[in-house]
C-alpha cells in the first residue's frame, strides 16, 4: 500500500519565504520581548542592590513594554490550505 502511493509532503517554510513585512513584524516582536525581559531583569537586580531610582525606572520601562506588547494585534496566521487529494 505505501509503496504504491507517492507521499506528498509540504515543504517547510523558511524565513526567506516570508513576506518582508511579516519578517519585520516577527523581528519587532522578538526585540520587544527581549527588551521586556531585559528591563524586568535589570529592575529586579537594581532593587536587590537597593538602587531604588534605577530599579523603579527599569520597572516602569518593563510595564511600558508589557503594555505595548499587549496592545499589539495577534500575529497573522496563514490561511489554512484545503487538503490535496
PDB file of N, CA and C in Angstrom:
ATOM      1  N   UNK A   1       0.820  -1.175   0.000  1.00  0.00           N
ATOM      2  CA  UNK A   1       0.000   0.000   0.000  1.00  0.00           C
ATOM      3  C   UNK A   1       0.869   1.245   0.000  1.00  0.00           C
ATOM      4  N   UNK A   2       1.811   1.375   0.910  1.00  0.00           N
ATOM      5  CA  UNK A   2       2.603   2.593   0.984  1.00  0.00           C
ATOM      6  C   UNK A   2       3.627   2.679  -0.128  1.00  0.00           C
ATOM      7  N   UNK A   3       3.952   1.582  -0.783  1.00  0.00           N
ATOM      8  CA  UNK A   3       4.878   1.645  -1.903  1.00  0.00           C
ATOM      9  C   UNK A   3       4.190   2.120  -3.181  1.00  0.00           C
ATOM     10  N   UNK A   4       2.881   1.885  -3.290  1.00  0.00           N
ATOM     11  CA  UNK A   4       2.143   2.253  -4.497  1.00  0.00           C
ATOM     12  C   UNK A   4       1.792   3.731  -4.542  1.00  0.00           C
ATOM     13  N   UNK A   5       1.597   4.356  -3.384  1.00  0.00           N
ATOM     14  CA  UNK A   5       1.166   5.746  -3.348  1.00  0.00           C
ATOM     15  C   UNK A   5       2.352   6.655  -3.042  1.00  0.00           C
ATOM     16  N   UNK A   6       2.590   7.646  -3.894  1.00  0.00           N
ATOM     17  CA  UNK A   6       3.685   8.582  -3.592  1.00  0.00           C
ATOM     18  C   UNK A   6       3.288   9.486  -2.418  1.00  0.00           C
ATOM     19  N   UNK A   7       4.236   9.761  -1.581  1.00  0.00           N
ATOM     20  CA  UNK A   7       3.992  10.618  -0.432  1.00  0.00           C
ATOM     21  C   UNK A   7       4.192  12.074  -0.836  1.00  0.00           C
ATOM     22  N   UNK A   8       3.200  12.886  -0.570  1.00  0.00           N
ATOM     23  CA  UNK A   8       3.291  14.317  -0.847  1.00  0.00           C
ATOM     24  C   UNK A   8       3.455  15.018   0.496  1.00  0.00           C
ATOM     25  N   UNK A   9       4.570  15.702   0.647  1.00  0.00           N
ATOM     26  CA  UNK A   9       4.827  16.415   1.892  1.00  0.00           C
ATOM     27  C   UNK A   9       4.901  17.906   1.595  1.00  0.00           C
ATOM     28  N   UNK A  10       4.385  18.675   2.526  1.00  0.00           N
ATOM     29  CA  UNK A  10       4.505  20.124   2.405  1.00  0.00           C
ATOM     30  C   UNK A  10       5.952  20.512   2.630  1.00  0.00           C
ATOM     31  N   UNK A  11       6.417  21.460   1.825  1.00  0.00           N
ATOM     32  CA  UNK A  11       7.779  21.946   2.012  1.00  0.00           C
ATOM     33  C   UNK A  11       7.808  22.837   3.242  1.00  0.00           C
ATOM     34  N   UNK A  12       8.837  22.725   4.048  1.00  0.00           N
ATOM     35  CA  UNK A  12       8.908  23.592   5.233  1.00  0.00           C
ATOM     36  C   UNK A  12       9.077  25.043   4.825  1.00  0.00           C
ATOM     37  N   UNK A  13       8.426  25.906   5.562  1.00  0.00           N
ATOM     38  CA  UNK A  13       8.524  27.331   5.273  1.00  0.00           C
ATOM     39  C   UNK A  13       9.763  27.875   5.954  1.00  0.00           C
ATOM     40  N   UNK A  14      10.630  28.474   5.189  1.00  0.00           N
ATOM     41  CA  UNK A  14      11.839  29.059   5.755  1.00  0.00           C
ATOM     42  C   UNK A  14      11.675  30.567   5.804  1.00  0.00           C
ATOM     43  N   UNK A  15      12.550  31.203   6.522  1.00  0.00           N
ATOM     44  CA  UNK A  15      12.415  32.643   6.752  1.00  0.00           C
ATOM     45  C   UNK A  15      12.456  33.452   5.461  1.00  0.00           C
ATOM     46  N   UNK A  16      13.190  32.996   4.461  1.00  0.00           N
ATOM     47  CA  UNK A  16      13.291  33.773   3.228  1.00  0.00           C
ATOM     48  C   UNK A  16      11.997  33.732   2.429  1.00  0.00           C
ATOM     49  N   UNK A  17      11.098  32.758   2.725  1.00  0.00           N
ATOM     50  CA  UNK A  17       9.819  32.682   2.026  1.00  0.00           C
ATOM     51  C   UNK A  17       8.808  33.669   2.579  1.00  0.00           C
ATOM     52  N   UNK A  18       9.040  34.196   3.774  1.00  0.00           N
ATOM     53  CA  UNK A  18       8.093  35.103   4.400  1.00  0.00           C
ATOM     54  C   UNK A  18       8.127  36.452   3.697  1.00  0.00           C
ATOM     55  N   UNK A  19       6.981  37.124   3.745  1.00  0.00           N
ATOM     56  CA  UNK A  19       6.898  38.463   3.173  1.00  0.00           C
ATOM     57  C   UNK A  19       7.777  39.403   3.990  1.00  0.00           C
ATOM     58  N   UNK A  20       8.333  40.459   3.376  1.00  0.00           N
ATOM     59  CA  UNK A  20       9.209  41.372   4.116  1.00  0.00           C
ATOM     60  C   UNK A  20       8.525  42.005   5.331  1.00  0.00           C
ATOM     61  N   UNK A  21       7.253  42.360   5.212  1.00  0.00           N
ATOM     62  CA  UNK A  21       6.525  42.931   6.342  1.00  0.00           C
ATOM     63  C   UNK A  21       6.333  41.924   7.452  1.00  0.00           C
ATOM     64  N   UNK A  22       6.100  40.670   7.062  1.00  0.00           N
ATOM     65  CA  UNK A  22       5.947  39.582   8.026  1.00  0.00           C
ATOM     66  C   UNK A  22       7.229  39.386   8.818  1.00  0.00           C
ATOM     67  N   UNK A  23       8.333  39.405   8.101  1.00  0.00           N
ATOM     68  CA  UNK A  23       9.645  39.197   8.732  1.00  0.00           C
ATOM     69  C   UNK A  23       9.961  40.345   9.686  1.00  0.00           C
ATOM     70  N   UNK A  24       9.620  41.550   9.278  1.00  0.00           N
ATOM     71  CA  UNK A  24       9.868  42.725  10.117  1.00  0.00           C
ATOM     72  C   UNK A  24       9.003  42.669  11.382  1.00  0.00           C
ATOM     73  N   UNK A  25       7.762  42.216  11.238  1.00  0.00           N
ATOM     74  CA  UNK A  25       6.881  42.091  12.395  1.00  0.00           C
ATOM     75  C   UNK A  25       7.413  41.036  13.371  1.00  0.00           C
ATOM     76  N   UNK A  26       7.883  39.921  12.849  1.00  0.00           N
ATOM     77  CA  UNK A  26       8.446  38.875  13.710  1.00  0.00           C
ATOM     78  C   UNK A  26       9.673  39.394  14.452  1.00  0.00           C
ATOM     79  N   UNK A  27      10.524  40.118  13.744  1.00  0.00           N
ATOM     80  CA  UNK A  27      11.722  40.671  14.364  1.00  0.00           C
ATOM     81  C   UNK A  27      11.360  41.705  15.431  1.00  0.00           C
ATOM     82  N   UNK A  28      10.373  42.551  15.132  1.00  0.00           N
ATOM     83  CA  UNK A  28       9.934  43.553  16.098  1.00  0.00           C
ATOM     84  C   UNK A  28       9.379  42.924  17.360  1.00  0.00           C
ATOM     85  N   UNK A  29       8.576  41.876  17.197  1.00  0.00           N
ATOM     86  CA  UNK A  29       8.033  41.180  18.367  1.00  0.00           C
ATOM     87  C   UNK A  29       9.144  40.521  19.181  1.00  0.00           C
ATOM     88  N   UNK A  30      10.128  39.947  18.485  1.00  0.00           N
ATOM     89  CA  UNK A  30      11.250  39.308  19.163  1.00  0.00           C
ATOM     90  C   UNK A  30      12.058  40.350  19.955  1.00  0.00           C
ATOM     91  N   UNK A  31      12.329  41.496  19.341  1.00  0.00           N
ATOM     92  CA  UNK A  31      13.094  42.548  20.023  1.00  0.00           C
ATOM     93  C   UNK A  31      12.320  43.134  21.196  1.00  0.00           C
ATOM     94  N   UNK A  32      11.011  43.301  21.031  1.00  0.00           N
ATOM     95  CA  UNK A  32      10.194  43.815  22.124  1.00  0.00           C
ATOM     96  C   UNK A  32      10.199  42.838  23.297  1.00  0.00           C
ATOM     97  N   UNK A  33      10.127  41.551  23.002  1.00  0.00           N
ATOM     98  CA  UNK A  33      10.187  40.547  24.061  1.00  0.00           C
ATOM     99  C   UNK A  33      11.547  40.606  24.767  1.00  0.00           C
ATOM    100  N   UNK A  34      12.610  40.791  23.995  1.00  0.00           N
ATOM    101  CA  UNK A  34      13.941  40.905  24.589  1.00  0.00           C
ATOM    102  C   UNK A  34      14.070  42.127  25.482  1.00  0.00           C
ATOM    103  N   UNK A  35      13.521  43.253  25.037  1.00  0.00           N
ATOM    104  CA  UNK A  35      13.548  44.458  25.864  1.00  0.00           C
ATOM    105  C   UNK A  35      12.752  44.267  27.148  1.00  0.00           C
ATOM    106  N   UNK A  36      11.617  43.601  27.035  1.00  0.00           N
ATOM    107  CA  UNK A  36      10.787  43.362  28.214  1.00  0.00           C
ATOM    108  C   UNK A  36      11.516  42.478  29.228  1.00  0.00           C
ATOM    109  N   UNK A  37      12.134  41.414  28.752  1.00  0.00           N
ATOM    110  CA  UNK A  37      12.868  40.515  29.642  1.00  0.00           C
ATOM    111  C   UNK A  37      14.072  41.232  30.256  1.00  0.00           C
ATOM    112  N   UNK A  38      14.779  42.002  29.435  1.00  0.00           N
ATOM    113  CA  UNK A  38      15.933  42.742  29.939  1.00  0.00           C
ATOM    114  C   UNK A  38      15.545  43.772  30.982  1.00  0.00           C
ATOM    115  N   UNK A  39      14.450  44.500  30.754  1.00  0.00           N
ATOM    116  CA  UNK A  39      14.019  45.523  31.714  1.00  0.00           C
ATOM    117  C   UNK A  39      13.592  44.894  33.035  1.00  0.00           C
ATOM    118  N   UNK A  40      12.908  43.756  32.975  1.00  0.00           N
ATOM    119  CA  UNK A  40      12.492  43.119  34.224  1.00  0.00           C
ATOM    120  C   UNK A  40      13.701  42.596  34.995  1.00  0.00           C
ATOM    121  N   UNK A  41      14.673  42.069  34.283  1.00  0.00           N
ATOM    122  CA  UNK A  41      15.884  41.570  34.940  1.00  0.00           C
ATOM    123  C   UNK A  41      16.649  42.706  35.610  1.00  0.00           C
ATOM    124  N   UNK A  42      16.818  43.803  34.888  1.00  0.00           N
ATOM    125  CA  UNK A  42      17.520  44.959  35.453  1.00  0.00           C
ATOM    126  C   UNK A  42      16.760  45.508  36.656  1.00  0.00           C
ATOM    127  N   UNK A  43      15.431  45.543  36.560  1.00  0.00           N
ATOM    128  CA  UNK A  43      14.629  46.056  37.680  1.00  0.00           C
ATOM    129  C   UNK A  43      14.847  45.221  38.932  1.00  0.00           C
ATOM    130  N   UNK A  44      14.792  43.902  38.782  1.00  0.00           N
ATOM    131  CA  UNK A  44      14.976  43.031  39.946  1.00  0.00           C
ATOM    132  C   UNK A  44      16.385  43.201  40.523  1.00  0.00           C
ATOM    133  N   UNK A  45      17.388  43.205  39.667  1.00  0.00           N
ATOM    134  CA  UNK A  45      18.761  43.330  40.150  1.00  0.00           C
ATOM    135  C   UNK A  45      19.005  44.664  40.851  1.00  0.00           C
ATOM    136  N   UNK A  46      18.499  45.724  40.257  1.00  0.00           N
ATOM    137  CA  UNK A  46      18.705  47.043  40.866  1.00  0.00           C
ATOM    138  C   UNK A  46      17.978  47.161  42.202  1.00  0.00           C
ATOM    139  N   UNK A  47      16.782  46.615  42.281  1.00  0.00           N
ATOM    140  CA  UNK A  47      16.061  46.682  43.549  1.00  0.00           C
ATOM    141  C   UNK A  47      16.727  45.816  44.611  1.00  0.00           C
ATOM    142  N   UNK A  48      17.281  44.671  44.212  1.00  0.00           N
ATOM    143  CA  UNK A  48      18.006  43.846  45.181  1.00  0.00           C
ATOM    144  C   UNK A  48      19.267  44.541  45.691  1.00  0.00           C
ATOM    145  N   UNK A  49      19.876  45.371  44.847  1.00  0.00           N
ATOM    146  CA  UNK A  49      21.068  46.129  45.263  1.00  0.00           C
ATOM    147  C   UNK A  49      20.700  47.389  46.036  1.00  0.00           C
ATOM    148  N   UNK A  50      19.402  47.636  46.166  1.00  0.00           N
ATOM    149  CA  UNK A  50      18.852  48.812  46.824  1.00  0.00           C
ATOM    150  C   UNK A  50      19.207  50.103  46.098  1.00  0.00           C
ATOM    151  N   UNK A  51      19.281  50.024  44.783  1.00  0.00           N
ATOM    152  CA  UNK A  51      19.404  51.213  43.937  1.00  0.00           C
ATOM    153  C   UNK A  51      17.987  51.549  43.479  1.00  0.00           C
ATOM    154  N   UNK A  52      17.299  52.311  44.307  1.00  0.00           N
ATOM    155  CA  UNK A  52      15.873  52.487  44.127  1.00  0.00           C
ATOM    156  C   UNK A  52      15.502  53.206  42.841  1.00  0.00           C
ATOM    157  N   UNK A  53      16.212  54.266  42.505  1.00  0.00           N
ATOM    158  CA  UNK A  53      15.823  55.030  41.311  1.00  0.00           C
ATOM    159  C   UNK A  53      16.023  54.206  40.041  1.00  0.00           C
ATOM    160  N   UNK A  54      17.123  53.482  39.946  1.00  0.00           N
ATOM    161  CA  UNK A  54      17.353  52.630  38.770  1.00  0.00           C
ATOM    162  C   UNK A  54      16.376  51.481  38.696  1.00  0.00           C
ATOM    163  N   UNK A  55      16.056  50.893  39.855  1.00  0.00           N
ATOM    164  CA  UNK A  55      15.108  49.783  39.886  1.00  0.00           C
ATOM    165  C   UNK A  55      13.707  50.206  39.513  1.00  0.00           C
ATOM    166  N   UNK A  56      13.291  51.363  40.036  1.00  0.00           N
ATOM    167  CA  UNK A  56      11.946  51.856  39.713  1.00  0.00           C
ATOM    168  C   UNK A  56      11.866  52.262  38.256  1.00  0.00           C
ATOM    169  N   UNK A  57      12.912  52.875  37.730  1.00  0.00           N
ATOM    170  CA  UNK A  57      12.923  53.256  36.307  1.00  0.00           C
ATOM    171  C   UNK A  57      12.843  52.030  35.409  1.00  0.00           C
ATOM    172  N   UNK A  58      13.610  50.999  35.735  1.00  0.00           N
ATOM    173  CA  UNK A  58      13.572  49.775  34.928  1.00  0.00           C
ATOM    174  C   UNK A  58      12.224  49.075  35.053  1.00  0.00           C
ATOM    175  N   UNK A  59      11.615  49.132  36.249  1.00  0.00           N
ATOM    176  CA  UNK A  59      10.295  48.531  36.432  1.00  0.00           C
ATOM    177  C   UNK A  59       9.240  49.273  35.616  1.00  0.00           C
ATOM    178  N   UNK A  60       9.340  50.591  35.563  1.00  0.00           N
ATOM    179  CA  UNK A  60       8.414  51.364  34.734  1.00  0.00           C
ATOM    180  C   UNK A  60       8.615  51.065  33.250  1.00  0.00           C
ATOM    181  N   UNK A  61       9.868  50.913  32.839  1.00  0.00           N
ATOM    182  CA  UNK A  61      10.140  50.550  31.448  1.00  0.00           C
ATOM    183  C   UNK A  61       9.556  49.177  31.141  1.00  0.00           C
ATOM    184  N   UNK A  62       9.666  48.237  32.080  1.00  0.00           N
ATOM    185  CA  UNK A  62       9.100  46.909  31.888  1.00  0.00           C
ATOM    186  C   UNK A  62       7.582  46.992  31.731  1.00  0.00           C
ATOM    187  N   UNK A  63       6.932  47.821  32.556  1.00  0.00           N
ATOM    188  CA  UNK A  63       5.482  47.980  32.444  1.00  0.00           C
ATOM    189  C   UNK A  63       5.078  48.574  31.099  1.00  0.00           C
ATOM    190  N   UNK A  64       5.849  49.538  30.612  1.00  0.00           N
ATOM    191  CA  UNK A  64       5.555  50.136  29.304  1.00  0.00           C
ATOM    192  C   UNK A  64       5.698  49.094  28.200  1.00  0.00           C
ATOM    193  N   UNK A  65       6.787  48.333  28.221  1.00  0.00           N
ATOM    194  CA  UNK A  65       6.985  47.304  27.205  1.00  0.00           C
ATOM    195  C   UNK A  65       5.885  46.247  27.275  1.00  0.00           C
ATOM    196  N   UNK A  66       5.448  45.909  28.479  1.00  0.00           N
ATOM    197  CA  UNK A  66       4.381  44.930  28.648  1.00  0.00           C
ATOM    198  C   UNK A  66       3.079  45.447  28.046  1.00  0.00           C
ATOM    199  N   UNK A  67       2.756  46.717  28.286  1.00  0.00           N
ATOM    200  CA  UNK A  67       1.527  47.285  27.726  1.00  0.00           C
ATOM    201  C   UNK A  67       1.582  47.374  26.210  1.00  0.00           C
ATOM    202  N   UNK A  68       2.738  47.730  25.675  1.00  0.00           N
ATOM    203  CA  UNK A  68       2.880  47.806  24.222  1.00  0.00           C
ATOM    204  C   UNK A  68       2.689  46.422  23.616  1.00  0.00           C
ATOM    205  N   UNK A  69       3.279  45.414  24.237  1.00  0.00           N
ATOM    206  CA  UNK A  69       3.161  44.055  23.706  1.00  0.00           C
ATOM    207  C   UNK A  69       1.719  43.558  23.775  1.00  0.00           C
ATOM    208  N   UNK A  70       1.013  43.928  24.819  1.00  0.00           N
ATOM    209  CA  UNK A  70      -0.389  43.502  24.948  1.00  0.00           C
ATOM    210  C   UNK A  70      -1.293  44.196  23.939  1.00  0.00           C
ATOM    211  N   UNK A  71      -0.943  45.402  23.532  1.00  0.00           N
ATOM    212  CA  UNK A  71      -1.786  46.143  22.593  1.00  0.00           C
ATOM    213  C   UNK A  71      -1.539  45.776  21.133  1.00  0.00           C
ATOM    214  N   UNK A  72      -0.480  45.041  20.883  1.00  0.00           N
ATOM    215  CA  UNK A  72      -0.220  44.617  19.510  1.00  0.00           C
ATOM    216  C   UNK A  72      -1.297  43.642  19.049  1.00  0.00           C
ATOM    217  N   UNK A  73      -1.672  43.726  17.785  1.00  0.00           N
ATOM    218  CA  UNK A  73      -2.633  42.734  17.292  1.00  0.00           C
ATOM    219  C   UNK A  73      -1.980  41.359  17.249  1.00  0.00           C
ATOM    220  N   UNK A  74      -2.781  40.304  17.314  1.00  0.00           N
ATOM    221  CA  UNK A  74      -2.194  38.965  17.270  1.00  0.00           C
ATOM    222  C   UNK A  74      -1.467  38.748  15.948  1.00  0.00           C
ATOM    223  N   UNK A  75      -0.432  37.900  15.950  1.00  0.00           N
ATOM    224  CA  UNK A  75       0.300  37.664  14.707  1.00  0.00           C
ATOM    225  C   UNK A  75      -0.615  37.059  13.650  1.00  0.00           C
ATOM    226  N   UNK A  76      -0.368  37.452  12.410  1.00  0.00           N
ATOM    227  CA  UNK A  76      -1.188  36.965  11.300  1.00  0.00           C
ATOM    228  C   UNK A  76      -0.963  35.478  11.104  1.00  0.00           C
ATOM    229  N   UNK A  77      -2.056  34.751  10.979  1.00  0.00           N
ATOM    230  CA  UNK A  77      -1.986  33.312  10.735  1.00  0.00           C
ATOM    231  C   UNK A  77      -2.073  33.073   9.236  1.00  0.00           C
ATOM    232  N   UNK A  78      -1.399  32.044   8.785  1.00  0.00           N
ATOM    233  CA  UNK A  78      -1.507  31.664   7.379  1.00  0.00           C
ATOM    234  C   UNK A  78      -2.869  31.054   7.141  1.00  0.00           C
ATOM    235  N   UNK A  79      -3.512  31.355   6.012  1.00  0.00           N
ATOM    236  CA  UNK A  79      -4.798  30.724   5.739  1.00  0.00           C
ATOM    237  C   UNK A  79      -4.614  29.212   5.574  1.00  0.00           C
ATOM    238  N   UNK A  80      -5.564  28.489   6.109  1.00  0.00           N
ATOM    239  CA  UNK A  80      -5.492  27.027   6.032  1.00  0.00           C
ATOM    240  C   UNK A  80      -5.689  26.581   4.596  1.00  0.00           C
ATOM    241  N   UNK A  81      -4.816  25.699   4.143  1.00  0.00           N
ATOM    242  CA  UNK A  81      -4.950  25.171   2.781  1.00  0.00           C
ATOM    243  C   UNK A  81      -5.872  23.963   2.799  1.00  0.00           C
ATOM    244  N   UNK A  82      -6.718  23.853   1.787  1.00  0.00           N
ATOM    245  CA  UNK A  82      -7.555  22.653   1.729  1.00  0.00           C
ATOM    246  C   UNK A  82      -6.686  21.430   1.458  1.00  0.00           C
ATOM    247  N   UNK A  83      -7.061  20.272   1.989  1.00  0.00           N
ATOM    248  CA  UNK A  83      -6.242  19.074   1.765  1.00  0.00           C
ATOM    249  C   UNK A  83      -6.235  18.692   0.294  1.00  0.00           C
ATOM    250  N   UNK A  84      -5.059  18.349  -0.173  1.00  0.00           N
ATOM    251  CA  UNK A  84      -4.922  17.928  -1.564  1.00  0.00           C
ATOM    252  C   UNK A  84      -5.254  16.448  -1.679  1.00  0.00           C
ATOM    253  N   UNK A  85      -5.969  16.131  -2.724  1.00  0.00           N
ATOM    254  CA  UNK A  85      -6.338  14.725  -2.915  1.00  0.00           C
ATOM    255  C   UNK A  85      -5.635  14.141  -4.095  1.00  0.00           C
TER     256      UNK A  85
END
